[in-house]
């Protein structure tokens, strides 16, 4: 996804801390996706779109937000940085795996 890229750019271009950049990235993604959902809803009325997965996605997103906020509040900045680096490495590995798989 674009979250790790958003966070990196906010840190590098605006000098934000990791925790600040994460919050702004999540807000940016929220409004971007909300706009996309509204656009798709208005233009297609969700015809041909399977919405069954929403009953899993929405609770998972809310739970992830709650857990993330808790961890961000209780972890030191260096610990958050390490978690961020591991997640970025996992995203890179997943993308490489998917890229190799399609060759």
C-alpha atoms as a PDB file:
ATOM      1  CA  UNK A   1       0.000   0.000   0.000  1.00  0.00           C
ATOM      2  CA  UNK A   2       0.880   3.657  -0.024  1.00  0.00           C
ATOM      3  CA  UNK A   3       1.097   4.125   3.740  1.00  0.00           C
ATOM      4  CA  UNK A   4       4.828   3.430   4.091  1.00  0.00           C
ATOM      5  CA  UNK A   5       5.541   5.769   1.161  1.00  0.00           C
ATOM      6  CA  UNK A   6       3.357   8.501   2.677  1.00  0.00           C
ATOM      7  CA  UNK A   7       5.107   8.169   6.032  1.00  0.00           C
ATOM      8  CA  UNK A   8       8.574   8.291   4.455  1.00  0.00           C
ATOM      9  CA  UNK A   9       7.737  11.366   2.393  1.00  0.00           C
ATOM     10  CA  UNK A  10       6.172  13.196   5.335  1.00  0.00           C
ATOM     11  CA  UNK A  11       9.281  12.537   7.418  1.00  0.00           C
ATOM     12  CA  UNK A  12      11.735  13.513   4.671  1.00  0.00           C
ATOM     13  CA  UNK A  13       9.892  16.475   3.156  1.00  0.00           C
ATOM     14  CA  UNK A  14       8.257  18.017   6.199  1.00  0.00           C
ATOM     15  CA  UNK A  15      10.527  16.898   9.038  1.00  0.00           C
ATOM     16  CA  UNK A  16       7.715  15.221  10.944  1.00  0.00           C
ATOM     17  CA  UNK A  17       8.342  12.673  13.628  1.00  0.00           C
ATOM     18  CA  UNK A  18       7.440   9.071  12.803  1.00  0.00           C
ATOM     19  CA  UNK A  19       4.369   9.175  15.027  1.00  0.00           C
ATOM     20  CA  UNK A  20       3.126  12.439  13.496  1.00  0.00           C
ATOM     21  CA  UNK A  21       3.743  11.219   9.960  1.00  0.00           C
ATOM     22  CA  UNK A  22       1.824   8.009  10.683  1.00  0.00           C
ATOM     23  CA  UNK A  23      -1.223   9.931  11.907  1.00  0.00           C
ATOM     24  CA  UNK A  24      -1.226  12.249   8.882  1.00  0.00           C
ATOM     25  CA  UNK A  25      -0.731   9.301   6.524  1.00  0.00           C
ATOM     26  CA  UNK A  26      -3.699   7.446   8.007  1.00  0.00           C
ATOM     27  CA  UNK A  27      -5.888  10.552   7.730  1.00  0.00           C
ATOM     28  CA  UNK A  28      -4.824  11.074   4.106  1.00  0.00           C
ATOM     29  CA  UNK A  29      -5.615   7.456   3.241  1.00  0.00           C
ATOM     30  CA  UNK A  30      -8.962   7.617   5.067  1.00  0.00           C
ATOM     31  CA  UNK A  31     -10.172  10.655   3.120  1.00  0.00           C
ATOM     32  CA  UNK A  32      -8.752   9.361  -0.155  1.00  0.00           C
ATOM     33  CA  UNK A  33     -10.534   6.023   0.188  1.00  0.00           C
ATOM     34  CA  UNK A  34     -13.735   7.640   1.438  1.00  0.00           C
ATOM     35  CA  UNK A  35     -13.753   9.815  -1.682  1.00  0.00           C
ATOM     36  CA  UNK A  36     -13.206   6.736  -3.853  1.00  0.00           C
ATOM     37  CA  UNK A  37     -16.062   4.833  -2.171  1.00  0.00           C
ATOM     38  CA  UNK A  38     -18.424   7.794  -2.642  1.00  0.00           C
ATOM     39  CA  UNK A  39     -17.391   8.152  -6.298  1.00  0.00           C
ATOM     40  CA  UNK A  40     -17.922   4.441  -6.990  1.00  0.00           C
ATOM     41  CA  UNK A  41     -21.240   4.503  -5.125  1.00  0.00           C
ATOM     42  CA  UNK A  42     -22.541   7.494  -7.050  1.00  0.00           C
ATOM     43  CA  UNK A  43     -21.326   6.306 -10.452  1.00  0.00           C
ATOM     44  CA  UNK A  44     -22.131   2.559 -10.233  1.00  0.00           C
ATOM     45  CA  UNK A  45     -24.449   2.294  -7.207  1.00  0.00           C
ATOM     46  CA  UNK A  46     -22.153  -0.626  -6.266  1.00  0.00           C
ATOM     47  CA  UNK A  47     -23.690  -2.774  -9.016  1.00  0.00           C
ATOM     48  CA  UNK A  48     -21.416  -5.715  -9.720  1.00  0.00           C
ATOM     49  CA  UNK A  49     -19.350  -5.150  -6.582  1.00  0.00           C
ATOM     50  CA  UNK A  50     -19.328  -7.856  -3.916  1.00  0.00           C
ATOM     51  CA  UNK A  51     -19.739  -6.084  -0.585  1.00  0.00           C
ATOM     52  CA  UNK A  52     -19.747  -9.262   1.555  1.00  0.00           C
ATOM     53  CA  UNK A  53     -16.112  -8.774   2.578  1.00  0.00           C
ATOM     54  CA  UNK A  54     -17.006  -5.486   4.285  1.00  0.00           C
ATOM     55  CA  UNK A  55     -18.309  -7.361   7.322  1.00  0.00           C
ATOM     56  CA  UNK A  56     -14.724  -8.586   7.831  1.00  0.00           C
ATOM     57  CA  UNK A  57     -12.790  -5.562   6.585  1.00  0.00           C
ATOM     58  CA  UNK A  58     -14.532  -2.894   8.677  1.00  0.00           C
ATOM     59  CA  UNK A  59     -14.107  -4.625  12.077  1.00  0.00           C
ATOM     60  CA  UNK A  60     -10.501  -5.526  11.185  1.00  0.00           C
ATOM     61  CA  UNK A  61      -9.774  -1.891  10.279  1.00  0.00           C
ATOM     62  CA  UNK A  62     -11.350  -0.594  13.497  1.00  0.00           C
ATOM     63  CA  UNK A  63      -9.495  -3.170  15.594  1.00  0.00           C
ATOM     64  CA  UNK A  64      -6.235  -2.346  13.802  1.00  0.00           C
ATOM     65  CA  UNK A  65      -6.775   1.342  14.499  1.00  0.00           C
ATOM     66  CA  UNK A  66      -7.417   0.714  18.175  1.00  0.00           C
ATOM     67  CA  UNK A  67      -4.383  -1.540  18.531  1.00  0.00           C
ATOM     68  CA  UNK A  68      -2.202   0.876  16.556  1.00  0.00           C
ATOM     69  CA  UNK A  69      -3.257   3.859  18.674  1.00  0.00           C
ATOM     70  CA  UNK A  70      -2.602   1.899  21.868  1.00  0.00           C
ATOM     71  CA  UNK A  71       0.848   0.802  20.685  1.00  0.00           C
ATOM     72  CA  UNK A  72       1.767   4.280  19.461  1.00  0.00           C
ATOM     73  CA  UNK A  73       0.810   5.778  22.804  1.00  0.00           C
ATOM     74  CA  UNK A  74       2.684   3.191  24.886  1.00  0.00           C
ATOM     75  CA  UNK A  75       5.778   2.497  22.782  1.00  0.00           C
ATOM     76  CA  UNK A  76       8.824   4.732  22.643  1.00  0.00           C
ATOM     77  CA  UNK A  77       9.628   6.390  19.325  1.00  0.00           C
ATOM     78  CA  UNK A  78      12.581   4.052  18.753  1.00  0.00           C
ATOM     79  CA  UNK A  79      10.347   1.013  19.261  1.00  0.00           C
ATOM     80  CA  UNK A  80       7.783   2.414  16.800  1.00  0.00           C
ATOM     81  CA  UNK A  81      10.617   3.022  14.326  1.00  0.00           C
ATOM     82  CA  UNK A  82      11.712  -0.622  14.584  1.00  0.00           C
ATOM     83  CA  UNK A  83       8.148  -1.865  14.045  1.00  0.00           C
ATOM     84  CA  UNK A  84       7.830   0.478  11.041  1.00  0.00           C
ATOM     85  CA  UNK A  85      11.088  -0.808   9.550  1.00  0.00           C
ATOM     86  CA  UNK A  86      10.003  -4.438   9.962  1.00  0.00           C
ATOM     87  CA  UNK A  87       6.646  -3.687   8.314  1.00  0.00           C
ATOM     88  CA  UNK A  88       8.362  -1.938   5.396  1.00  0.00           C
ATOM     89  CA  UNK A  89      10.692  -4.916   4.946  1.00  0.00           C
ATOM     90  CA  UNK A  90       7.693  -7.266   4.996  1.00  0.00           C
ATOM     91  CA  UNK A  91       5.923  -5.154   2.362  1.00  0.00           C
ATOM     92  CA  UNK A  92       9.056  -5.202   0.184  1.00  0.00           C
ATOM     93  CA  UNK A  93       9.371  -8.984   0.594  1.00  0.00           C
ATOM     94  CA  UNK A  94       5.695  -9.488  -0.258  1.00  0.00           C
ATOM     95  CA  UNK A  95       6.009  -7.331  -3.374  1.00  0.00           C
ATOM     96  CA  UNK A  96       9.123  -9.217  -4.462  1.00  0.00           C
ATOM     97  CA  UNK A  97       7.363 -12.549  -3.910  1.00  0.00           C
ATOM     98  CA  UNK A  98       4.355 -11.401  -5.922  1.00  0.00           C
ATOM     99  CA  UNK A  99       6.615 -10.040  -8.673  1.00  0.00           C
ATOM    100  CA  UNK A 100       8.592 -13.263  -8.959  1.00  0.00           C
ATOM    101  CA  UNK A 101       5.454 -15.374  -8.861  1.00  0.00           C
ATOM    102  CA  UNK A 102       4.038 -13.630 -11.943  1.00  0.00           C
ATOM    103  CA  UNK A 103       7.192 -13.997 -14.046  1.00  0.00           C
END
